[in-house]
Amino acid sequence: MTTQSGFSLARRLRAGETVFTAWCGLAAPIVAETIAREGFSAVALDQQHGLYDMASTAAGIAAVRMAGAASIVRIPLGDFAVASRVLDFGAEGVIAPMINTVADARSFVAAVKYPPVGERSWGSYRATILAGMPDPTVYLREANALTLTFAMIETREALSNMDAIAATDGIDALFVGPSDLSIALTNGLTLDPHSQEVELALDKVL
């Protein structure tokens, strides 16, 4: 693979492509890079349940891009300030856990989308370098469309508010957390992400 310029994930998903994505919780950028070089078009770096801190995340994003893939980061629960930072580091997408209400969705969007959609603060110097966009005004103009928000649906409340969450301006996609969803749907009795209840919920999300 070769180093790509610009952003690829949003373009490919909006074109209807299936983007095979690896998941990496080990905070070793060379591991994420190696995974990308094995043929995955995107690699998700997990800060929520994985070992990635901000330093390893910044290095991991660059390593994944060097391998020719797109980087996605799952942020810690409710830490939307981190969402803004990982985009500044050059991530192409952010997965936010436990987006249960429209208010949650709006808080997420506020951190990751520039005005008029959100309130993201400017500081994308690393992102512009990795994206091959030396003119920052180009990044500013295109970032809202090129960086993706994934709202995690993983509770009964989220399922009940799903249509409104998906319709929130600035939310680009829904991302199901099947393990937590299985716990929620059984009131804490069962961990079974492949259960019939979860499968029915997945159908509803789709």
N, C-alpha and C. Protein backbone atom coordinates (compact mmCIF):
# COMPACT_ATOMS: atom_id res chain seq x y z
N MET A 1 0.83 -1.20 0.00
CA MET A 1 0.00 0.00 0.00
C MET A 1 0.87 1.25 0.00
N THR A 2 0.32 2.33 -0.49
CA THR A 2 1.06 3.58 -0.52
C THR A 2 0.32 4.62 0.32
N THR A 3 1.05 5.61 0.73
CA THR A 3 0.46 6.68 1.50
C THR A 3 -0.58 7.41 0.66
N GLN A 4 -1.76 7.63 1.25
CA GLN A 4 -2.82 8.30 0.51
C GLN A 4 -2.90 9.75 0.95
N SER A 5 -3.33 10.60 0.04
CA SER A 5 -3.55 12.00 0.38
C SER A 5 -5.04 12.20 0.60
N GLY A 6 -5.36 13.29 1.28
CA GLY A 6 -6.75 13.57 1.55
C GLY A 6 -7.36 12.56 2.49
N PHE A 7 -8.68 12.44 2.43
CA PHE A 7 -9.42 11.52 3.28
C PHE A 7 -10.16 10.52 2.39
N SER A 8 -10.20 9.27 2.80
CA SER A 8 -10.79 8.24 1.95
C SER A 8 -12.06 7.62 2.52
N LEU A 9 -12.19 7.57 3.86
CA LEU A 9 -13.26 6.79 4.46
C LEU A 9 -14.63 7.32 4.11
N ALA A 10 -14.85 8.62 4.30
CA ALA A 10 -16.16 9.19 4.01
C ALA A 10 -16.53 9.01 2.54
N ARG A 11 -15.57 9.26 1.68
CA ARG A 11 -15.84 9.12 0.24
C ARG A 11 -16.23 7.70 -0.11
N ARG A 12 -15.52 6.72 0.44
CA ARG A 12 -15.79 5.33 0.10
C ARG A 12 -17.12 4.86 0.66
N LEU A 13 -17.43 5.26 1.89
CA LEU A 13 -18.70 4.84 2.48
C LEU A 13 -19.88 5.47 1.75
N ARG A 14 -19.74 6.74 1.38
CA ARG A 14 -20.84 7.41 0.69
C ARG A 14 -21.02 6.88 -0.73
N ALA A 15 -19.97 6.26 -1.26
CA ALA A 15 -20.07 5.63 -2.57
C ALA A 15 -20.68 4.22 -2.48
N GLY A 16 -20.98 3.80 -1.26
CA GLY A 16 -21.60 2.49 -1.08
C GLY A 16 -20.64 1.34 -0.96
N GLU A 17 -19.36 1.62 -0.80
CA GLU A 17 -18.38 0.55 -0.68
C GLU A 17 -18.46 -0.12 0.70
N THR A 18 -18.09 -1.39 0.74
CA THR A 18 -17.88 -2.08 2.00
C THR A 18 -16.43 -1.85 2.41
N VAL A 19 -16.23 -1.24 3.57
CA VAL A 19 -14.89 -0.90 4.03
C VAL A 19 -14.53 -1.84 5.19
N PHE A 20 -13.71 -2.83 4.90
CA PHE A 20 -13.31 -3.77 5.94
C PHE A 20 -12.37 -3.06 6.91
N THR A 21 -12.72 -3.14 8.19
CA THR A 21 -12.05 -2.36 9.22
C THR A 21 -11.56 -3.26 10.34
N ALA A 22 -10.31 -3.10 10.73
CA ALA A 22 -9.75 -3.86 11.85
C ALA A 22 -9.92 -3.07 13.14
N TRP A 23 -9.87 -3.79 14.26
CA TRP A 23 -10.03 -3.17 15.57
C TRP A 23 -8.74 -3.40 16.35
N CYS A 24 -8.20 -2.35 16.95
CA CYS A 24 -6.92 -2.46 17.64
C CYS A 24 -6.99 -1.80 19.01
N GLY A 25 -6.78 -2.60 20.05
CA GLY A 25 -6.75 -2.09 21.40
C GLY A 25 -5.37 -2.03 21.99
N LEU A 26 -4.39 -2.63 21.31
CA LEU A 26 -3.01 -2.62 21.78
C LEU A 26 -2.36 -1.30 21.40
N ALA A 27 -1.87 -0.57 22.39
CA ALA A 27 -1.37 0.78 22.15
C ALA A 27 0.05 0.76 21.60
N ALA A 28 0.23 0.08 20.49
CA ALA A 28 1.52 0.01 19.81
C ALA A 28 1.27 0.42 18.36
N PRO A 29 1.64 1.63 17.97
CA PRO A 29 1.35 2.11 16.62
C PRO A 29 1.84 1.17 15.53
N ILE A 30 2.94 0.48 15.75
CA ILE A 30 3.44 -0.42 14.71
C ILE A 30 2.49 -1.60 14.51
N VAL A 31 1.77 -1.98 15.56
CA VAL A 31 0.77 -3.04 15.41
C VAL A 31 -0.37 -2.55 14.51
N ALA A 32 -0.86 -1.34 14.80
CA ALA A 32 -1.93 -0.78 13.96
C ALA A 32 -1.47 -0.63 12.52
N GLU A 33 -0.23 -0.18 12.32
CA GLU A 33 0.30 -0.04 10.97
C GLU A 33 0.39 -1.38 10.26
N THR A 34 0.85 -2.39 10.97
CA THR A 34 0.98 -3.73 10.38
C THR A 34 -0.38 -4.28 9.98
N ILE A 35 -1.38 -4.07 10.83
CA ILE A 35 -2.74 -4.49 10.51
C ILE A 35 -3.21 -3.82 9.22
N ALA A 36 -2.97 -2.50 9.11
CA ALA A 36 -3.38 -1.78 7.91
C ALA A 36 -2.68 -2.33 6.68
N ARG A 37 -1.41 -2.67 6.81
CA ARG A 37 -0.65 -3.18 5.67
C ARG A 37 -1.08 -4.58 5.26
N GLU A 38 -1.82 -5.26 6.12
CA GLU A 38 -2.33 -6.58 5.78
C GLU A 38 -3.58 -6.52 4.92
N GLY A 39 -4.04 -5.31 4.60
CA GLY A 39 -5.12 -5.19 3.63
C GLY A 39 -6.40 -4.56 4.15
N PHE A 40 -6.44 -4.16 5.43
CA PHE A 40 -7.63 -3.49 5.93
C PHE A 40 -7.62 -2.03 5.48
N SER A 41 -8.77 -1.57 5.01
CA SER A 41 -8.86 -0.20 4.50
C SER A 41 -8.98 0.83 5.62
N ALA A 42 -9.32 0.37 6.82
CA ALA A 42 -9.43 1.26 7.97
C ALA A 42 -9.07 0.47 9.22
N VAL A 43 -8.57 1.20 10.21
CA VAL A 43 -8.23 0.60 11.50
C VAL A 43 -8.81 1.48 12.60
N ALA A 44 -9.55 0.86 13.51
CA ALA A 44 -10.12 1.58 14.64
C ALA A 44 -9.22 1.41 15.86
N LEU A 45 -8.83 2.51 16.46
CA LEU A 45 -8.01 2.53 17.66
C LEU A 45 -8.93 2.75 18.86
N ASP A 46 -8.86 1.86 19.84
CA ASP A 46 -9.84 1.86 20.92
C ASP A 46 -9.30 2.51 22.18
N GLN A 47 -9.83 3.70 22.49
CA GLN A 47 -9.50 4.37 23.74
C GLN A 47 -10.47 3.99 24.87
N GLN A 48 -11.66 3.56 24.52
CA GLN A 48 -12.65 3.29 25.55
C GLN A 48 -12.29 2.05 26.38
N HIS A 49 -12.05 0.95 25.71
CA HIS A 49 -11.72 -0.29 26.40
C HIS A 49 -10.32 -0.80 26.06
N GLY A 50 -9.64 -0.12 25.14
CA GLY A 50 -8.29 -0.50 24.78
C GLY A 50 -7.26 0.29 25.57
N LEU A 51 -6.01 0.18 25.17
CA LEU A 51 -4.89 0.77 25.91
C LEU A 51 -4.40 2.10 25.34
N TYR A 52 -5.10 2.63 24.34
CA TYR A 52 -4.63 3.86 23.70
C TYR A 52 -4.85 5.08 24.58
N ASP A 53 -3.75 5.82 24.83
CA ASP A 53 -3.84 7.15 25.43
C ASP A 53 -3.64 8.16 24.30
N MET A 54 -3.53 9.44 24.64
CA MET A 54 -3.47 10.44 23.58
C MET A 54 -2.18 10.36 22.78
N ALA A 55 -1.06 10.09 23.45
CA ALA A 55 0.22 10.03 22.74
C ALA A 55 0.25 8.85 21.77
N SER A 56 -0.17 7.68 22.23
CA SER A 56 -0.15 6.51 21.35
C SER A 56 -1.21 6.63 20.26
N THR A 57 -2.31 7.32 20.56
CA THR A 57 -3.34 7.54 19.54
C THR A 57 -2.81 8.42 18.42
N ALA A 58 -2.13 9.51 18.77
CA ALA A 58 -1.57 10.39 17.75
C ALA A 58 -0.57 9.65 16.87
N ALA A 59 0.28 8.83 17.51
CA ALA A 59 1.25 8.05 16.74
C ALA A 59 0.56 6.97 15.91
N GLY A 60 -0.48 6.37 16.48
CA GLY A 60 -1.20 5.32 15.76
C GLY A 60 -1.92 5.83 14.53
N ILE A 61 -2.53 7.01 14.64
CA ILE A 61 -3.20 7.62 13.50
C ILE A 61 -2.21 7.84 12.35
N ALA A 62 -1.06 8.38 12.67
CA ALA A 62 -0.05 8.62 11.64
C ALA A 62 0.45 7.32 11.04
N ALA A 63 0.63 6.30 11.88
CA ALA A 63 1.13 5.01 11.40
C ALA A 63 0.13 4.35 10.46
N VAL A 64 -1.14 4.41 10.81
CA VAL A 64 -2.17 3.83 9.96
C VAL A 64 -2.22 4.55 8.61
N ARG A 65 -2.13 5.87 8.64
CA ARG A 65 -2.15 6.63 7.39
C ARG A 65 -0.92 6.32 6.54
N MET A 66 0.23 6.14 7.17
CA MET A 66 1.45 5.78 6.44
C MET A 66 1.28 4.45 5.71
N ALA A 67 0.45 3.58 6.29
CA ALA A 67 0.21 2.28 5.68
C ALA A 67 -0.86 2.34 4.60
N GLY A 68 -1.43 3.53 4.38
CA GLY A 68 -2.41 3.70 3.31
C GLY A 68 -3.84 3.46 3.70
N ALA A 69 -4.13 3.43 5.02
CA ALA A 69 -5.49 3.17 5.49
C ALA A 69 -6.03 4.37 6.23
N ALA A 70 -7.32 4.33 6.53
CA ALA A 70 -7.98 5.39 7.30
C ALA A 70 -8.01 5.00 8.77
N SER A 71 -7.85 5.98 9.64
CA SER A 71 -7.90 5.72 11.08
C SER A 71 -9.21 6.22 11.67
N ILE A 72 -9.75 5.40 12.57
CA ILE A 72 -10.96 5.73 13.32
C ILE A 72 -10.59 5.57 14.79
N VAL A 73 -11.15 6.39 15.65
CA VAL A 73 -10.87 6.29 17.08
C VAL A 73 -12.18 6.17 17.85
N ARG A 74 -12.26 5.13 18.71
CA ARG A 74 -13.38 5.11 19.66
C ARG A 74 -12.91 5.80 20.93
N ILE A 75 -13.61 6.86 21.28
CA ILE A 75 -13.23 7.69 22.41
C ILE A 75 -13.81 7.13 23.71
N PRO A 76 -13.30 7.58 24.87
CA PRO A 76 -13.90 7.18 26.14
C PRO A 76 -15.32 7.72 26.28
N LEU A 77 -16.06 7.10 27.15
CA LEU A 77 -17.46 7.45 27.35
C LEU A 77 -17.62 8.92 27.73
N GLY A 78 -18.38 9.65 26.90
CA GLY A 78 -18.73 11.03 27.20
C GLY A 78 -17.61 12.04 27.06
N ASP A 79 -16.44 11.62 26.59
CA ASP A 79 -15.29 12.53 26.53
C ASP A 79 -15.19 13.16 25.15
N PHE A 80 -16.08 14.08 24.87
CA PHE A 80 -16.17 14.66 23.54
C PHE A 80 -15.00 15.59 23.24
N ALA A 81 -14.34 16.10 24.26
CA ALA A 81 -13.13 16.90 24.02
C ALA A 81 -12.06 16.05 23.35
N VAL A 82 -11.99 14.79 23.72
CA VAL A 82 -11.05 13.86 23.09
C VAL A 82 -11.40 13.67 21.62
N ALA A 83 -12.69 13.65 21.31
CA ALA A 83 -13.12 13.50 19.92
C ALA A 83 -12.53 14.59 19.05
N SER A 84 -12.57 15.81 19.53
CA SER A 84 -12.02 16.92 18.77
C SER A 84 -10.51 16.76 18.59
N ARG A 85 -9.84 16.31 19.64
CA ARG A 85 -8.38 16.18 19.58
C ARG A 85 -7.95 15.11 18.58
N VAL A 86 -8.64 13.97 18.56
CA VAL A 86 -8.20 12.91 17.65
C VAL A 86 -8.43 13.31 16.20
N LEU A 87 -9.44 14.14 15.95
CA LEU A 87 -9.60 14.68 14.60
C LEU A 87 -8.46 15.64 14.27
N ASP A 88 -8.04 16.42 15.25
CA ASP A 88 -6.87 17.30 15.05
C ASP A 88 -5.63 16.48 14.73
N PHE A 89 -5.54 15.27 15.28
CA PHE A 89 -4.40 14.40 15.02
C PHE A 89 -4.47 13.74 13.64
N GLY A 90 -5.64 13.82 12.98
CA GLY A 90 -5.77 13.26 11.65
C GLY A 90 -6.70 12.07 11.51
N ALA A 91 -7.43 11.72 12.56
CA ALA A 91 -8.41 10.64 12.44
C ALA A 91 -9.47 11.01 11.42
N GLU A 92 -9.98 10.01 10.73
CA GLU A 92 -11.03 10.26 9.73
C GLU A 92 -12.42 9.99 10.28
N GLY A 93 -12.50 9.34 11.44
CA GLY A 93 -13.79 9.07 12.04
C GLY A 93 -13.66 8.92 13.54
N VAL A 94 -14.76 9.22 14.24
CA VAL A 94 -14.82 9.07 15.69
C VAL A 94 -16.04 8.26 16.05
N ILE A 95 -15.83 7.22 16.86
CA ILE A 95 -16.92 6.42 17.39
C ILE A 95 -17.15 6.86 18.83
N ALA A 96 -18.38 7.27 19.15
CA ALA A 96 -18.71 7.73 20.49
C ALA A 96 -19.66 6.73 21.15
N PRO A 97 -19.27 6.16 22.30
CA PRO A 97 -20.12 5.18 22.97
C PRO A 97 -21.32 5.82 23.66
N MET A 98 -22.35 4.99 23.85
CA MET A 98 -23.52 5.34 24.66
C MET A 98 -24.15 6.67 24.25
N ILE A 99 -24.42 6.82 22.96
CA ILE A 99 -25.20 7.98 22.51
C ILE A 99 -26.67 7.57 22.62
N ASN A 100 -27.28 7.98 23.72
CA ASN A 100 -28.62 7.48 24.07
C ASN A 100 -29.74 8.45 23.75
N THR A 101 -29.41 9.73 23.59
CA THR A 101 -30.43 10.75 23.38
C THR A 101 -29.98 11.74 22.32
N VAL A 102 -30.91 12.55 21.89
CA VAL A 102 -30.56 13.63 20.95
C VAL A 102 -29.59 14.60 21.60
N ALA A 103 -29.75 14.84 22.89
CA ALA A 103 -28.82 15.73 23.59
C ALA A 103 -27.40 15.18 23.55
N ASP A 104 -27.26 13.86 23.74
CA ASP A 104 -25.94 13.24 23.62
C ASP A 104 -25.38 13.44 22.22
N ALA A 105 -26.23 13.23 21.22
CA ALA A 105 -25.80 13.36 19.83
C ALA A 105 -25.36 14.79 19.53
N ARG A 106 -26.09 15.75 20.05
CA ARG A 106 -25.75 17.15 19.79
C ARG A 106 -24.44 17.52 20.47
N SER A 107 -24.20 16.99 21.67
CA SER A 107 -22.93 17.26 22.35
C SER A 107 -21.76 16.68 21.58
N PHE A 108 -21.97 15.51 21.04
CA PHE A 108 -20.95 14.86 20.21
C PHE A 108 -20.66 15.71 18.98
N VAL A 109 -21.70 16.09 18.28
CA VAL A 109 -21.55 16.89 17.06
C VAL A 109 -20.88 18.23 17.34
N ALA A 110 -21.25 18.85 18.45
CA ALA A 110 -20.68 20.16 18.78
C ALA A 110 -19.17 20.11 18.85
N ALA A 111 -18.63 18.99 19.33
CA ALA A 111 -17.18 18.87 19.51
C ALA A 111 -16.44 18.56 18.22
N VAL A 112 -17.12 17.94 17.25
CA VAL A 112 -16.38 17.39 16.10
C VAL A 112 -16.70 18.05 14.76
N LYS A 113 -17.69 18.89 14.71
CA LYS A 113 -18.03 19.56 13.46
C LYS A 113 -17.83 21.07 13.62
N TYR A 114 -17.24 21.68 12.60
CA TYR A 114 -17.05 23.12 12.60
C TYR A 114 -18.39 23.83 12.37
N PRO A 115 -18.51 25.11 12.76
CA PRO A 115 -19.70 25.89 12.45
C PRO A 115 -19.98 25.88 10.95
N PRO A 116 -21.22 25.89 10.54
CA PRO A 116 -22.41 26.14 11.38
C PRO A 116 -23.01 24.88 12.00
N VAL A 117 -22.44 23.70 11.72
CA VAL A 117 -23.03 22.46 12.23
C VAL A 117 -22.71 22.27 13.71
N GLY A 118 -21.44 22.51 14.08
CA GLY A 118 -21.02 22.31 15.46
C GLY A 118 -20.20 23.48 15.96
N GLU A 119 -19.35 23.20 16.97
CA GLU A 119 -18.56 24.25 17.59
C GLU A 119 -17.10 23.84 17.72
N ARG A 120 -16.64 22.98 16.82
CA ARG A 120 -15.27 22.49 16.92
C ARG A 120 -14.27 23.64 16.88
N SER A 121 -13.28 23.55 17.75
CA SER A 121 -12.24 24.58 17.83
C SER A 121 -11.13 24.27 16.84
N TRP A 122 -10.53 25.33 16.30
CA TRP A 122 -9.48 25.15 15.30
C TRP A 122 -8.16 24.75 15.95
N GLY A 123 -7.52 23.74 15.37
CA GLY A 123 -6.21 23.30 15.83
C GLY A 123 -5.75 22.09 15.04
N SER A 124 -6.16 22.04 13.77
CA SER A 124 -5.99 20.82 12.96
C SER A 124 -4.69 20.82 12.16
N TYR A 125 -3.61 21.25 12.78
CA TYR A 125 -2.36 21.38 12.04
C TYR A 125 -1.80 20.02 11.63
N ARG A 126 -1.87 19.05 12.52
CA ARG A 126 -1.39 17.71 12.19
C ARG A 126 -2.30 17.07 11.15
N ALA A 127 -3.58 17.26 11.28
CA ALA A 127 -4.53 16.67 10.34
C ALA A 127 -4.30 17.19 8.92
N THR A 128 -4.03 18.48 8.78
CA THR A 128 -3.83 19.03 7.45
C THR A 128 -2.56 18.47 6.81
N ILE A 129 -1.54 18.24 7.62
CA ILE A 129 -0.29 17.67 7.09
C ILE A 129 -0.53 16.24 6.61
N LEU A 130 -1.16 15.42 7.46
CA LEU A 130 -1.37 14.02 7.11
C LEU A 130 -2.32 13.88 5.93
N ALA A 131 -3.25 14.81 5.81
CA ALA A 131 -4.22 14.74 4.71
C ALA A 131 -3.69 15.35 3.42
N GLY A 132 -2.50 15.90 3.45
CA GLY A 132 -1.96 16.53 2.26
C GLY A 132 -2.71 17.78 1.87
N MET A 133 -3.16 18.54 2.87
CA MET A 133 -3.91 19.78 2.64
C MET A 133 -3.14 20.95 3.24
N PRO A 134 -2.10 21.43 2.57
CA PRO A 134 -1.29 22.51 3.15
C PRO A 134 -2.05 23.81 3.35
N ASP A 135 -3.14 24.00 2.60
CA ASP A 135 -3.96 25.20 2.77
C ASP A 135 -5.01 24.90 3.83
N PRO A 136 -4.92 25.48 5.02
CA PRO A 136 -5.87 25.15 6.09
C PRO A 136 -7.30 25.52 5.75
N THR A 137 -7.49 26.50 4.87
CA THR A 137 -8.86 26.87 4.51
C THR A 137 -9.55 25.74 3.75
N VAL A 138 -8.78 24.93 3.04
CA VAL A 138 -9.37 23.79 2.34
C VAL A 138 -9.86 22.76 3.36
N TYR A 139 -9.04 22.48 4.36
CA TYR A 139 -9.47 21.55 5.40
C TYR A 139 -10.70 22.08 6.12
N LEU A 140 -10.69 23.34 6.48
CA LEU A 140 -11.83 23.94 7.18
C LEU A 140 -13.10 23.81 6.35
N ARG A 141 -12.99 24.03 5.06
CA ARG A 141 -14.15 23.98 4.18
C ARG A 141 -14.69 22.56 4.03
N GLU A 142 -13.79 21.56 4.06
CA GLU A 142 -14.19 20.20 3.72
C GLU A 142 -14.29 19.25 4.93
N ALA A 143 -13.79 19.68 6.08
CA ALA A 143 -13.67 18.76 7.21
C ALA A 143 -15.00 18.20 7.68
N ASN A 144 -16.06 18.99 7.69
CA ASN A 144 -17.34 18.47 8.18
C ASN A 144 -17.83 17.30 7.35
N ALA A 145 -17.54 17.32 6.06
CA ALA A 145 -17.97 16.21 5.20
C ALA A 145 -16.97 15.06 5.21
N LEU A 146 -15.70 15.36 5.44
CA LEU A 146 -14.66 14.34 5.33
C LEU A 146 -14.40 13.57 6.62
N THR A 147 -14.79 14.13 7.76
CA THR A 147 -14.60 13.44 9.03
C THR A 147 -15.96 12.94 9.52
N LEU A 148 -16.00 11.69 9.96
CA LEU A 148 -17.26 11.01 10.22
C LEU A 148 -17.53 10.82 11.70
N THR A 149 -18.80 10.96 12.06
CA THR A 149 -19.26 10.70 13.42
C THR A 149 -20.07 9.41 13.44
N PHE A 150 -19.68 8.50 14.32
CA PHE A 150 -20.39 7.24 14.50
C PHE A 150 -20.99 7.23 15.91
N ALA A 151 -22.30 7.27 16.00
CA ALA A 151 -22.98 7.26 17.29
C ALA A 151 -23.32 5.81 17.67
N MET A 152 -22.83 5.38 18.84
CA MET A 152 -23.05 4.01 19.25
C MET A 152 -24.44 3.83 19.85
N ILE A 153 -25.14 2.83 19.33
CA ILE A 153 -26.46 2.44 19.81
C ILE A 153 -26.27 1.15 20.61
N GLU A 154 -26.46 1.23 21.94
CA GLU A 154 -26.16 0.06 22.76
C GLU A 154 -26.99 -0.02 24.04
N THR A 155 -28.12 0.70 24.06
CA THR A 155 -29.03 0.63 25.20
C THR A 155 -30.47 0.66 24.71
N ARG A 156 -31.40 0.31 25.60
CA ARG A 156 -32.82 0.41 25.26
C ARG A 156 -33.19 1.85 24.94
N GLU A 157 -32.66 2.79 25.71
CA GLU A 157 -32.96 4.19 25.48
C GLU A 157 -32.49 4.63 24.11
N ALA A 158 -31.29 4.20 23.72
CA ALA A 158 -30.77 4.56 22.40
C ALA A 158 -31.65 3.98 21.30
N LEU A 159 -32.10 2.75 21.46
CA LEU A 159 -32.98 2.15 20.46
C LEU A 159 -34.28 2.94 20.33
N SER A 160 -34.81 3.40 21.44
CA SER A 160 -36.07 4.14 21.39
C SER A 160 -35.90 5.53 20.77
N ASN A 161 -34.68 6.07 20.86
CA ASN A 161 -34.40 7.40 20.31
C ASN A 161 -33.63 7.35 19.00
N MET A 162 -33.52 6.16 18.43
CA MET A 162 -32.61 5.94 17.32
C MET A 162 -32.90 6.83 16.10
N ASP A 163 -34.16 6.95 15.73
CA ASP A 163 -34.49 7.75 14.55
C ASP A 163 -34.09 9.21 14.74
N ALA A 164 -34.34 9.73 15.93
CA ALA A 164 -34.01 11.12 16.21
C ALA A 164 -32.49 11.33 16.28
N ILE A 165 -31.79 10.34 16.83
CA ILE A 165 -30.32 10.43 16.88
C ILE A 165 -29.76 10.45 15.46
N ALA A 166 -30.25 9.53 14.63
CA ALA A 166 -29.77 9.45 13.25
C ALA A 166 -30.09 10.71 12.46
N ALA A 167 -31.19 11.37 12.82
CA ALA A 167 -31.61 12.57 12.09
C ALA A 167 -30.90 13.83 12.59
N THR A 168 -30.11 13.72 13.65
CA THR A 168 -29.41 14.88 14.19
C THR A 168 -28.37 15.37 13.19
N ASP A 169 -28.43 16.63 12.85
CA ASP A 169 -27.48 17.21 11.90
C ASP A 169 -26.06 17.03 12.42
N GLY A 170 -25.22 16.39 11.62
CA GLY A 170 -23.84 16.15 12.01
C GLY A 170 -23.55 14.73 12.44
N ILE A 171 -24.58 13.92 12.67
CA ILE A 171 -24.37 12.49 12.91
C ILE A 171 -24.36 11.80 11.56
N ASP A 172 -23.25 11.14 11.26
CA ASP A 172 -23.08 10.53 9.94
C ASP A 172 -23.51 9.08 9.88
N ALA A 173 -23.39 8.36 11.00
CA ALA A 173 -23.70 6.92 10.96
C ALA A 173 -23.99 6.42 12.36
N LEU A 174 -24.67 5.29 12.42
CA LEU A 174 -24.90 4.59 13.69
C LEU A 174 -23.95 3.41 13.77
N PHE A 175 -23.52 3.09 14.98
CA PHE A 175 -22.56 2.02 15.21
C PHE A 175 -23.08 1.22 16.40
N VAL A 176 -23.37 -0.05 16.17
CA VAL A 176 -23.99 -0.87 17.21
C VAL A 176 -22.93 -1.48 18.12
N GLY A 177 -23.18 -1.41 19.43
CA GLY A 177 -22.36 -2.11 20.41
C GLY A 177 -23.11 -3.34 20.87
N PRO A 178 -22.92 -4.50 20.22
CA PRO A 178 -23.77 -5.66 20.50
C PRO A 178 -23.61 -6.25 21.89
N SER A 179 -22.43 -6.17 22.47
CA SER A 179 -22.26 -6.74 23.81
C SER A 179 -23.05 -5.94 24.85
N ASP A 180 -22.85 -4.61 24.87
CA ASP A 180 -23.61 -3.79 25.80
C ASP A 180 -25.11 -3.86 25.50
N LEU A 181 -25.45 -3.95 24.24
CA LEU A 181 -26.85 -4.04 23.89
C LEU A 181 -27.47 -5.32 24.44
N SER A 182 -26.72 -6.42 24.39
CA SER A 182 -27.25 -7.67 24.93
C SER A 182 -27.45 -7.58 26.44
N ILE A 183 -26.55 -6.88 27.12
CA ILE A 183 -26.71 -6.69 28.57
C ILE A 183 -27.93 -5.83 28.85
N ALA A 184 -28.10 -4.75 28.07
CA ALA A 184 -29.24 -3.85 28.28
C ALA A 184 -30.57 -4.54 28.01
N LEU A 185 -30.62 -5.33 26.95
CA LEU A 185 -31.88 -5.97 26.56
C LEU A 185 -32.30 -7.08 27.50
N THR A 186 -31.38 -7.57 28.31
CA THR A 186 -31.71 -8.62 29.29
C THR A 186 -31.64 -8.09 30.72
N ASN A 187 -31.62 -6.76 30.86
CA ASN A 187 -31.56 -6.14 32.18
C ASN A 187 -30.39 -6.65 33.01
N GLY A 188 -29.26 -6.83 32.34
CA GLY A 188 -28.04 -7.21 33.03
C GLY A 188 -27.88 -8.69 33.31
N LEU A 189 -28.71 -9.52 32.72
CA LEU A 189 -28.66 -10.95 33.01
C LEU A 189 -27.73 -11.73 32.09
N THR A 190 -27.54 -11.24 30.86
CA THR A 190 -26.84 -12.05 29.87
C THR A 190 -25.89 -11.20 29.03
N LEU A 191 -24.73 -11.77 28.77
CA LEU A 191 -23.80 -11.19 27.79
C LEU A 191 -23.75 -12.14 26.61
N ASP A 192 -24.47 -11.78 25.55
CA ASP A 192 -24.53 -12.63 24.36
C ASP A 192 -24.78 -11.75 23.14
N PRO A 193 -23.70 -11.25 22.54
CA PRO A 193 -23.87 -10.35 21.39
C PRO A 193 -24.47 -11.01 20.16
N HIS A 194 -24.61 -12.35 20.19
CA HIS A 194 -25.19 -13.07 19.05
C HIS A 194 -26.60 -13.57 19.33
N SER A 195 -27.22 -13.07 20.39
CA SER A 195 -28.54 -13.56 20.77
C SER A 195 -29.60 -13.11 19.77
N GLN A 196 -30.75 -13.75 19.82
CA GLN A 196 -31.85 -13.40 18.93
C GLN A 196 -32.32 -11.96 19.20
N GLU A 197 -32.32 -11.56 20.49
CA GLU A 197 -32.74 -10.20 20.83
C GLU A 197 -31.82 -9.16 20.17
N VAL A 198 -30.53 -9.43 20.18
CA VAL A 198 -29.59 -8.51 19.57
C VAL A 198 -29.77 -8.51 18.04
N GLU A 199 -29.97 -9.68 17.47
CA GLU A 199 -30.17 -9.76 16.03
C GLU A 199 -31.40 -8.96 15.60
N LEU A 200 -32.48 -9.04 16.39
CA LEU A 200 -33.68 -8.26 16.08
C LEU A 200 -33.41 -6.76 16.20
N ALA A 201 -32.61 -6.40 17.21
CA ALA A 201 -32.25 -5.00 17.37
C ALA A 201 -31.40 -4.51 16.19
N LEU A 202 -30.49 -5.36 15.73
CA LEU A 202 -29.67 -5.01 14.57
C LEU A 202 -30.54 -4.76 13.34
N ASP A 203 -31.55 -5.62 13.17
CA ASP A 203 -32.48 -5.41 12.06
C ASP A 203 -33.16 -4.06 12.16
N LYS A 204 -33.55 -3.68 13.37
CA LYS A 204 -34.20 -2.40 13.57
C LYS A 204 -33.25 -1.25 13.23
N VAL A 205 -32.01 -1.36 13.66
CA VAL A 205 -31.03 -0.31 13.36
C VAL A 205 -30.82 -0.19 11.85
N LEU A 206 -30.67 -1.33 11.18
CA LEU A 206 -30.49 -1.30 9.72
C LEU A 206 -31.71 -0.69 9.03
